[in-house]
Amino acid sequence: MARPGRPTVKIIWRAEERAILERWARRHSSSQSLALRSKIVLASATGQAAQAEIAAELGCNAVTVGKWRNSFAADRLDGLVDALRPGRLARSETM
């Protein structure tokens, strides 16, 4: 029986991506946003859980799960990293 709602993007792994995502998810020096994004993609990889189930498990919104799943499918690991923001760059403390 088909599930209602939008179809989800199927994630096909490359050799080293899973290891990198697992490292980002549990590394203490990772930003919390990158760790959450990694956990979302790892949970989505099996294809068994719906976005709402993954969102409930990780404590985020289902839209967030869909956003990062699609971003990973389009741009792979680069799609999970924060993009540069417009504006002035931060000054270095050593100046």
PDB file of N, CA and C in Angstrom:
ATOM      1  N   MET A   1       0.838  -1.176   0.000  1.00  0.00           N
ATOM      2  CA  MET A   1       0.000   0.000   0.000  1.00  0.00           C
ATOM      3  C   MET A   1       0.882   1.238   0.000  1.00  0.00           C
ATOM      4  N   ALA A   2       0.556   2.198  -0.827  1.00  0.00           N
ATOM      5  CA  ALA A   2       1.346   3.417  -0.950  1.00  0.00           C
ATOM      6  C   ALA A   2       1.127   4.309   0.268  1.00  0.00           C
ATOM      7  N   ARG A   3       2.185   4.973   0.659  1.00  0.00           N
ATOM      8  CA  ARG A   3       2.085   5.908   1.779  1.00  0.00           C
ATOM      9  C   ARG A   3       1.580   7.251   1.275  1.00  0.00           C
ATOM     10  N   PRO A   4       0.745   7.957   2.035  1.00  0.00           N
ATOM     11  CA  PRO A   4       0.250   9.250   1.605  1.00  0.00           C
ATOM     12  C   PRO A   4       1.341  10.311   1.707  1.00  0.00           C
ATOM     13  N   GLY A   5       1.172  11.394   0.970  1.00  0.00           N
ATOM     14  CA  GLY A   5       2.107  12.505   1.043  1.00  0.00           C
ATOM     15  C   GLY A   5       3.092  12.495  -0.108  1.00  0.00           C
ATOM     16  N   ARG A   6       4.044  13.387  -0.015  1.00  0.00           N
ATOM     17  CA  ARG A   6       5.052  13.505  -1.062  1.00  0.00           C
ATOM     18  C   ARG A   6       5.984  12.303  -1.038  1.00  0.00           C
ATOM     19  N   PRO A   7       6.471  11.922  -2.203  1.00  0.00           N
ATOM     20  CA  PRO A   7       7.445  10.825  -2.215  1.00  0.00           C
ATOM     21  C   PRO A   7       8.773  11.286  -1.628  1.00  0.00           C
ATOM     22  N   THR A   8       9.447  10.404  -0.923  1.00  0.00           N
ATOM     23  CA  THR A   8      10.734  10.750  -0.337  1.00  0.00           C
ATOM     24  C   THR A   8      11.850  10.394  -1.299  1.00  0.00           C
ATOM     25  N   VAL A   9      12.934  11.121  -1.186  1.00  0.00           N
ATOM     26  CA  VAL A   9      14.086  10.899  -2.037  1.00  0.00           C
ATOM     27  C   VAL A   9      14.832   9.678  -1.531  1.00  0.00           C
ATOM     28  N   LYS A  10      15.176   8.777  -2.428  1.00  0.00           N
ATOM     29  CA  LYS A  10      15.932   7.594  -2.046  1.00  0.00           C
ATOM     30  C   LYS A  10      17.411   7.967  -1.967  1.00  0.00           C
ATOM     31  N   ILE A  11      18.047   7.594  -0.873  1.00  0.00           N
ATOM     32  CA  ILE A  11      19.460   7.900  -0.667  1.00  0.00           C
ATOM     33  C   ILE A  11      20.282   6.670  -1.008  1.00  0.00           C
ATOM     34  N   ILE A  12      21.209   6.847  -1.938  1.00  0.00           N
ATOM     35  CA  ILE A  12      22.123   5.785  -2.332  1.00  0.00           C
ATOM     36  C   ILE A  12      23.509   6.173  -1.824  1.00  0.00           C
ATOM     37  N   TRP A  13      24.107   5.282  -1.015  1.00  0.00           N
ATOM     38  CA  TRP A  13      25.377   5.577  -0.361  1.00  0.00           C
ATOM     39  C   TRP A  13      26.565   5.442  -1.296  1.00  0.00           C
ATOM     40  N   ARG A  14      27.548   6.236  -1.042  1.00  0.00           N
ATOM     41  CA  ARG A  14      28.867   6.051  -1.631  1.00  0.00           C
ATOM     42  C   ARG A  14      29.728   5.430  -0.533  1.00  0.00           C
ATOM     43  N   ALA A  15      30.868   4.910  -0.898  1.00  0.00           N
ATOM     44  CA  ALA A  15      31.683   4.083   0.002  1.00  0.00           C
ATOM     45  C   ALA A  15      31.976   4.741   1.348  1.00  0.00           C
ATOM     46  N   GLU A  16      32.524   5.928   1.355  1.00  0.00           N
ATOM     47  CA  GLU A  16      33.005   6.510   2.612  1.00  0.00           C
ATOM     48  C   GLU A  16      32.006   7.441   3.285  1.00  0.00           C
ATOM     49  N   GLU A  17      30.875   7.730   2.657  1.00  0.00           N
ATOM     50  CA  GLU A  17      29.940   8.711   3.210  1.00  0.00           C
ATOM     51  C   GLU A  17      29.345   8.288   4.545  1.00  0.00           C
ATOM     52  N   ARG A  18      28.985   7.048   4.686  1.00  0.00           N
ATOM     53  CA  ARG A  18      28.376   6.594   5.941  1.00  0.00           C
ATOM     54  C   ARG A  18      29.344   6.786   7.108  1.00  0.00           C
ATOM     55  N   ALA A  19      30.616   6.447   6.910  1.00  0.00           N
ATOM     56  CA  ALA A  19      31.610   6.600   7.976  1.00  0.00           C
ATOM     57  C   ALA A  19      31.785   8.068   8.354  1.00  0.00           C
ATOM     58  N   ILE A  20      31.785   8.947   7.361  1.00  0.00           N
ATOM     59  CA  ILE A  20      31.935  10.375   7.637  1.00  0.00           C
ATOM     60  C   ILE A  20      30.724  10.897   8.397  1.00  0.00           C
ATOM     61  N   LEU A  21      29.518  10.494   7.990  1.00  0.00           N
ATOM     62  CA  LEU A  21      28.311  10.946   8.683  1.00  0.00           C
ATOM     63  C   LEU A  21      28.270  10.452  10.120  1.00  0.00           C
ATOM     64  N   GLU A  22      28.661   9.205  10.343  1.00  0.00           N
ATOM     65  CA  GLU A  22      28.692   8.681  11.712  1.00  0.00           C
ATOM     66  C   GLU A  22      29.701   9.447  12.564  1.00  0.00           C
ATOM     67  N   ARG A  23      30.827   9.790  11.986  1.00  0.00           N
ATOM     68  CA  ARG A  23      31.842  10.563  12.710  1.00  0.00           C
ATOM     69  C   ARG A  23      31.306  11.950  13.053  1.00  0.00           C
ATOM     70  N   TRP A  24      30.656  12.620  12.096  1.00  0.00           N
ATOM     71  CA  TRP A  24      30.094  13.946  12.350  1.00  0.00           C
ATOM     72  C   TRP A  24      29.004  13.885  13.415  1.00  0.00           C
ATOM     73  N   ALA A  25      28.228  12.818  13.431  1.00  0.00           N
ATOM     74  CA  ALA A  25      27.110  12.708  14.373  1.00  0.00           C
ATOM     75  C   ALA A  25      27.584  12.531  15.818  1.00  0.00           C
ATOM     76  N   ARG A  26      28.717  11.896  16.033  1.00  0.00           N
ATOM     77  CA  ARG A  26      29.147  11.649  17.419  1.00  0.00           C
ATOM     78  C   ARG A  26      30.388  12.426  17.848  1.00  0.00           C
ATOM     79  N   ARG A  27      30.993  13.179  16.937  1.00  0.00           N
ATOM     80  CA  ARG A  27      32.193  13.955  17.269  1.00  0.00           C
ATOM     81  C   ARG A  27      31.816  15.135  18.166  1.00  0.00           C
ATOM     82  N   HIS A  28      32.558  15.344  19.228  1.00  0.00           N
ATOM     83  CA  HIS A  28      32.254  16.410  20.182  1.00  0.00           C
ATOM     84  C   HIS A  28      32.513  17.795  19.605  1.00  0.00           C
ATOM     85  N   SER A  29      33.411  17.893  18.646  1.00  0.00           N
ATOM     86  CA  SER A  29      33.736  19.204  18.088  1.00  0.00           C
ATOM     87  C   SER A  29      32.810  19.612  16.944  1.00  0.00           C
ATOM     88  N   SER A  30      31.887  18.746  16.519  1.00  0.00           N
ATOM     89  CA  SER A  30      30.925  19.100  15.472  1.00  0.00           C
ATOM     90  C   SER A  30      29.909  20.082  16.035  1.00  0.00           C
ATOM     91  N   SER A  31      29.446  20.986  15.173  1.00  0.00           N
ATOM     92  CA  SER A  31      28.368  21.862  15.612  1.00  0.00           C
ATOM     93  C   SER A  31      27.112  21.015  15.795  1.00  0.00           C
ATOM     94  N   GLN A  32      26.224  21.459  16.650  1.00  0.00           N
ATOM     95  CA  GLN A  32      25.015  20.679  16.904  1.00  0.00           C
ATOM     96  C   GLN A  32      24.144  20.568  15.662  1.00  0.00           C
ATOM     97  N   SER A  33      24.159  21.617  14.842  1.00  0.00           N
ATOM     98  CA  SER A  33      23.355  21.567  13.627  1.00  0.00           C
ATOM     99  C   SER A  33      23.894  20.522  12.649  1.00  0.00           C
ATOM    100  N   LEU A  34      25.205  20.435  12.503  1.00  0.00           N
ATOM    101  CA  LEU A  34      25.798  19.441  11.610  1.00  0.00           C
ATOM    102  C   LEU A  34      25.563  18.024  12.147  1.00  0.00           C
ATOM    103  N   ALA A  35      25.647  17.856  13.450  1.00  0.00           N
ATOM    104  CA  ALA A  35      25.395  16.548  14.054  1.00  0.00           C
ATOM    105  C   ALA A  35      23.943  16.117  13.814  1.00  0.00           C
ATOM    106  N   LEU A  36      22.991  17.042  13.967  1.00  0.00           N
ATOM    107  CA  LEU A  36      21.585  16.723  13.728  1.00  0.00           C
ATOM    108  C   LEU A  36      21.360  16.356  12.265  1.00  0.00           C
ATOM    109  N   ARG A  37      21.942  17.118  11.349  1.00  0.00           N
ATOM    110  CA  ARG A  37      21.789  16.836   9.924  1.00  0.00           C
ATOM    111  C   ARG A  37      22.345  15.455   9.587  1.00  0.00           C
ATOM    112  N   SER A  38      23.473  15.114  10.179  1.00  0.00           N
ATOM    113  CA  SER A  38      24.071  13.799   9.946  1.00  0.00           C
ATOM    114  C   SER A  38      23.167  12.692  10.459  1.00  0.00           C
ATOM    115  N   LYS A  39      22.596  12.889  11.645  1.00  0.00           N
ATOM    116  CA  LYS A  39      21.689  11.893  12.211  1.00  0.00           C
ATOM    117  C   LYS A  39      20.441  11.733  11.362  1.00  0.00           C
ATOM    118  N   ILE A  40      19.945  12.828  10.798  1.00  0.00           N
ATOM    119  CA  ILE A  40      18.774  12.772   9.927  1.00  0.00           C
ATOM    120  C   ILE A  40      19.064  11.908   8.700  1.00  0.00           C
ATOM    121  N   VAL A  41      20.207  12.145   8.067  1.00  0.00           N
ATOM    122  CA  VAL A  41      20.547  11.385   6.860  1.00  0.00           C
ATOM    123  C   VAL A  41      20.797   9.921   7.199  1.00  0.00           C
ATOM    124  N   LEU A  42      21.460   9.663   8.322  1.00  0.00           N
ATOM    125  CA  LEU A  42      21.699   8.277   8.719  1.00  0.00           C
ATOM    126  C   LEU A  42      20.384   7.545   8.986  1.00  0.00           C
ATOM    127  N   ALA A  43      19.456   8.218   9.644  1.00  0.00           N
ATOM    128  CA  ALA A  43      18.163   7.600   9.928  1.00  0.00           C
ATOM    129  C   ALA A  43      17.347   7.417   8.650  1.00  0.00           C
ATOM    130  N   SER A  44      17.529   8.298   7.689  1.00  0.00           N
ATOM    131  CA  SER A  44      16.793   8.226   6.432  1.00  0.00           C
ATOM    132  C   SER A  44      17.339   7.165   5.493  1.00  0.00           C
ATOM    133  N   ALA A  45      18.541   6.729   5.723  1.00  0.00           N
ATOM    134  CA  ALA A  45      19.225   5.847   4.781  1.00  0.00           C
ATOM    135  C   ALA A  45      18.546   4.499   4.634  1.00  0.00           C
ATOM    136  N   THR A  46      17.926   4.005   5.678  1.00  0.00           N
ATOM    137  CA  THR A  46      17.288   2.695   5.591  1.00  0.00           C
ATOM    138  C   THR A  46      16.033   2.740   4.740  1.00  0.00           C
ATOM    139  N   GLY A  47      15.407   3.908   4.665  1.00  0.00           N
ATOM    140  CA  GLY A  47      14.194   4.051   3.877  1.00  0.00           C
ATOM    141  C   GLY A  47      12.957   3.485   4.544  1.00  0.00           C
ATOM    142  N   GLN A  48      13.089   2.918   5.726  1.00  0.00           N
ATOM    143  CA  GLN A  48      11.964   2.304   6.418  1.00  0.00           C
ATOM    144  C   GLN A  48      11.124   3.319   7.185  1.00  0.00           C
ATOM    145  N   ALA A  49      11.776   4.297   7.802  1.00  0.00           N
ATOM    146  CA  ALA A  49      11.070   5.238   8.666  1.00  0.00           C
ATOM    147  C   ALA A  49      10.547   6.430   7.863  1.00  0.00           C
ATOM    148  N   ALA A  50       9.366   6.893   8.225  1.00  0.00           N
ATOM    149  CA  ALA A  50       8.792   8.086   7.611  1.00  0.00           C
ATOM    150  C   ALA A  50       9.441   9.319   8.224  1.00  0.00           C
ATOM    151  N   GLN A  51       9.311  10.430   7.513  1.00  0.00           N
ATOM    152  CA  GLN A  51       9.899  11.674   8.007  1.00  0.00           C
ATOM    153  C   GLN A  51       9.374  12.035   9.385  1.00  0.00           C
ATOM    154  N   ALA A  52       8.101  11.831   9.631  1.00  0.00           N
ATOM    155  CA  ALA A  52       7.518  12.161  10.935  1.00  0.00           C
ATOM    156  C   ALA A  52       8.116  11.297  12.040  1.00  0.00           C
ATOM    157  N   GLU A  53       8.376  10.025  11.744  1.00  0.00           N
ATOM    158  CA  GLU A  53       8.985   9.138  12.748  1.00  0.00           C
ATOM    159  C   GLU A  53      10.414   9.567  13.066  1.00  0.00           C
ATOM    160  N   ILE A  54      11.172   9.910  12.041  1.00  0.00           N
ATOM    161  CA  ILE A  54      12.548  10.365  12.249  1.00  0.00           C
ATOM    162  C   ILE A  54      12.543  11.666  13.031  1.00  0.00           C
ATOM    163  N   ALA A  55      11.634  12.580  12.688  1.00  0.00           N
ATOM    164  CA  ALA A  55      11.538  13.862  13.383  1.00  0.00           C
ATOM    165  C   ALA A  55      11.210  13.666  14.862  1.00  0.00           C
ATOM    166  N   ALA A  56      10.284  12.765  15.161  1.00  0.00           N
ATOM    167  CA  ALA A  56       9.922  12.506  16.555  1.00  0.00           C
ATOM    168  C   ALA A  56      11.094  11.904  17.319  1.00  0.00           C
ATOM    169  N   GLU A  57      11.818  11.013  16.677  1.00  0.00           N
ATOM    170  CA  GLU A  57      12.965  10.370  17.323  1.00  0.00           C
ATOM    171  C   GLU A  57      14.090  11.362  17.617  1.00  0.00           C
ATOM    172  N   LEU A  58      14.316  12.309  16.701  1.00  0.00           N
ATOM    173  CA  LEU A  58      15.426  13.253  16.857  1.00  0.00           C
ATOM    174  C   LEU A  58      15.007  14.587  17.471  1.00  0.00           C
ATOM    175  N   GLY A  59      13.718  14.775  17.698  1.00  0.00           N
ATOM    176  CA  GLY A  59      13.242  15.994  18.339  1.00  0.00           C
ATOM    177  C   GLY A  59      13.279  17.209  17.427  1.00  0.00           C
ATOM    178  N   CYS A  60      12.928  17.036  16.169  1.00  0.00           N
ATOM    179  CA  CYS A  60      12.887  18.155  15.238  1.00  0.00           C
ATOM    180  C   CYS A  60      11.605  18.060  14.421  1.00  0.00           C
ATOM    181  N   ASN A  61      11.433  18.940  13.470  1.00  0.00           N
ATOM    182  CA  ASN A  61      10.236  18.984  12.649  1.00  0.00           C
ATOM    183  C   ASN A  61      10.402  18.083  11.432  1.00  0.00           C
ATOM    184  N   ALA A  62       9.301  17.528  10.933  1.00  0.00           N
ATOM    185  CA  ALA A  62       9.340  16.665   9.749  1.00  0.00           C
ATOM    186  C   ALA A  62       9.804  17.432   8.516  1.00  0.00           C
ATOM    187  N   VAL A  63       9.504  18.719   8.448  1.00  0.00           N
ATOM    188  CA  VAL A  63       9.970  19.543   7.331  1.00  0.00           C
ATOM    189  C   VAL A  63      11.497  19.636   7.340  1.00  0.00           C
ATOM    190  N   THR A  64      12.072  19.717   8.526  1.00  0.00           N
ATOM    191  CA  THR A  64      13.526  19.752   8.660  1.00  0.00           C
ATOM    192  C   THR A  64      14.141  18.464   8.137  1.00  0.00           C
ATOM    193  N   VAL A  65      13.527  17.346   8.448  1.00  0.00           N
ATOM    194  CA  VAL A  65      14.014  16.047   7.966  1.00  0.00           C
ATOM    195  C   VAL A  65      13.997  16.017   6.444  1.00  0.00           C
ATOM    196  N   GLY A  66      12.899  16.452   5.854  1.00  0.00           N
ATOM    197  CA  GLY A  66      12.790  16.466   4.401  1.00  0.00           C
ATOM    198  C   GLY A  66      13.798  17.394   3.749  1.00  0.00           C
ATOM    199  N   LYS A  67      14.003  18.542   4.372  1.00  0.00           N
ATOM    200  CA  LYS A  67      14.947  19.524   3.823  1.00  0.00           C
ATOM    201  C   LYS A  67      16.356  18.954   3.746  1.00  0.00           C
ATOM    202  N   TRP A  68      16.825  18.344   4.826  1.00  0.00           N
ATOM    203  CA  TRP A  68      18.203  17.867   4.850  1.00  0.00           C
ATOM    204  C   TRP A  68      18.368  16.565   4.088  1.00  0.00           C
ATOM    205  N   ARG A  69      17.327  15.759   4.013  1.00  0.00           N
ATOM    206  CA  ARG A  69      17.367  14.552   3.184  1.00  0.00           C
ATOM    207  C   ARG A  69      17.516  14.948   1.713  1.00  0.00           C
ATOM    208  N   ASN A  70      16.724  15.920   1.259  1.00  0.00           N
ATOM    209  CA  ASN A  70      16.806  16.387  -0.124  1.00  0.00           C
ATOM    210  C   ASN A  70      18.124  17.081  -0.414  1.00  0.00           C
ATOM    211  N   SER A  71      18.601  17.845   0.552  1.00  0.00           N
ATOM    212  CA  SER A  71      19.884  18.536   0.366  1.00  0.00           C
ATOM    213  C   SER A  71      21.029  17.538   0.213  1.00  0.00           C
ATOM    214  N   PHE A  72      21.017  16.474   1.017  1.00  0.00           N
ATOM    215  CA  PHE A  72      22.045  15.449   0.904  1.00  0.00           C
ATOM    216  C   PHE A  72      21.940  14.719  -0.431  1.00  0.00           C
ATOM    217  N   ALA A  73      20.727  14.417  -0.871  1.00  0.00           N
ATOM    218  CA  ALA A  73      20.544  13.716  -2.136  1.00  0.00           C
ATOM    219  C   ALA A  73      21.048  14.556  -3.309  1.00  0.00           C
ATOM    220  N   ALA A  74      20.903  15.866  -3.219  1.00  0.00           N
ATOM    221  CA  ALA A  74      21.319  16.749  -4.310  1.00  0.00           C
ATOM    222  C   ALA A  74      22.817  17.027  -4.294  1.00  0.00           C
ATOM    223  N   ASP A  75      23.373  17.342  -3.117  1.00  0.00           N
ATOM    224  CA  ASP A  75      24.763  17.814  -3.032  1.00  0.00           C
ATOM    225  C   ASP A  75      25.675  16.925  -2.206  1.00  0.00           C
ATOM    226  N   ARG A  76      25.174  15.760  -1.782  1.00  0.00           N
ATOM    227  CA  ARG A  76      25.943  14.820  -0.967  1.00  0.00           C
ATOM    228  C   ARG A  76      26.409  15.493   0.332  1.00  0.00           C
ATOM    229  N   LEU A  77      27.620  15.258   0.786  1.00  0.00           N
ATOM    230  CA  LEU A  77      28.095  15.780   2.074  1.00  0.00           C
ATOM    231  C   LEU A  77      28.165  17.309   2.086  1.00  0.00           C
ATOM    232  N   ASP A  78      28.466  17.908   0.938  1.00  0.00           N
ATOM    233  CA  ASP A  78      28.524  19.367   0.867  1.00  0.00           C
ATOM    234  C   ASP A  78      27.171  20.010   1.133  1.00  0.00           C
ATOM    235  N   GLY A  79      26.097  19.282   0.900  1.00  0.00           N
ATOM    236  CA  GLY A  79      24.771  19.813   1.145  1.00  0.00           C
ATOM    237  C   GLY A  79      24.410  19.928   2.612  1.00  0.00           C
ATOM    238  N   LEU A  80      25.181  19.295   3.489  1.00  0.00           N
ATOM    239  CA  LEU A  80      24.904  19.349   4.931  1.00  0.00           C
ATOM    240  C   LEU A  80      25.689  20.433   5.657  1.00  0.00           C
ATOM    241  N   VAL A  81      26.718  20.940   5.035  1.00  0.00           N
ATOM    242  CA  VAL A  81      27.584  21.942   5.657  1.00  0.00           C
ATOM    243  C   VAL A  81      26.933  23.311   5.501  1.00  0.00           C
ATOM    244  N   ASP A  82      27.080  24.171   6.517  1.00  0.00           N
ATOM    245  CA  ASP A  82      26.514  25.519   6.460  1.00  0.00           C
ATOM    246  C   ASP A  82      27.083  26.288   5.278  1.00  0.00           C
ATOM    247  N   ALA A  83      26.199  26.963   4.552  1.00  0.00           N
ATOM    248  CA  ALA A  83      26.609  27.797   3.427  1.00  0.00           C
ATOM    249  C   ALA A  83      27.151  29.125   3.957  1.00  0.00           C
ATOM    250  N   LEU A  84      27.986  29.760   3.167  1.00  0.00           N
ATOM    251  CA  LEU A  84      28.481  31.080   3.540  1.00  0.00           C
ATOM    252  C   LEU A  84      27.327  32.064   3.529  1.00  0.00           C
ATOM    253  N   ARG A  85      27.334  32.962   4.482  1.00  0.00           N
ATOM    254  CA  ARG A  85      26.280  33.957   4.598  1.00  0.00           C
ATOM    255  C   ARG A  85      26.791  35.298   4.068  1.00  0.00           C
ATOM    256  N   PRO A  86      25.890  36.119   3.546  1.00  0.00           N
ATOM    257  CA  PRO A  86      26.328  37.428   3.087  1.00  0.00           C
ATOM    258  C   PRO A  86      26.703  38.314   4.273  1.00  0.00           C
ATOM    259  N   GLY A  87      27.522  39.279   4.000  1.00  0.00           N
ATOM    260  CA  GLY A  87      27.899  40.211   5.052  1.00  0.00           C
ATOM    261  C   GLY A  87      29.386  40.195   5.304  1.00  0.00           C
ATOM    262  N   ARG A  88      29.790  40.994   6.212  1.00  0.00           N
ATOM    263  CA  ARG A  88      31.193  41.155   6.542  1.00  0.00           C
ATOM    264  C   ARG A  88      31.710  39.931   7.272  1.00  0.00           C
ATOM    265  N   LEU A  89      32.926  39.518   6.945  1.00  0.00           N
ATOM    266  CA  LEU A  89      33.555  38.401   7.635  1.00  0.00           C
ATOM    267  C   LEU A  89      33.989  38.809   9.035  1.00  0.00           C
ATOM    268  N   ALA A  90      34.008  37.879   9.937  1.00  0.00           N
ATOM    269  CA  ALA A  90      34.430  38.144  11.313  1.00  0.00           C
ATOM    270  C   ALA A  90      35.920  38.482  11.341  1.00  0.00           C
ATOM    271  N   ARG A  91      36.294  39.410  12.195  1.00  0.00           N
ATOM    272  CA  ARG A  91      37.699  39.781  12.306  1.00  0.00           C
ATOM    273  C   ARG A  91      38.415  38.776  13.182  1.00  0.00           C
ATOM    274  N   SER A  92      39.661  38.580  12.882  1.00  0.00           N
ATOM    275  CA  SER A  92      40.493  37.652  13.648  1.00  0.00           C
ATOM    276  C   SER A  92      40.896  38.281  14.969  1.00  0.00           C
ATOM    277  N   GLU A  93      41.015  37.474  15.994  1.00  0.00           N
ATOM    278  CA  GLU A  93      41.419  37.937  17.332  1.00  0.00           C
ATOM    279  C   GLU A  93      42.899  38.306  17.382  1.00  0.00           C
ATOM    280  N   THR A  94      43.686  37.795  16.436  1.00  0.00           N
ATOM    281  CA  THR A  94      45.129  38.000  16.495  1.00  0.00           C
ATOM    282  C   THR A  94      45.574  39.313  15.883  1.00  0.00           C
ATOM    283  N   MET A  95      44.704  40.125  15.384  1.00  0.00           N
ATOM    284  CA  MET A  95      45.093  41.381  14.726  1.00  0.00           C
ATOM    285  C   MET A  95      45.536  42.397  15.700  1.00  0.00           C
TER     286      MET A  95
END
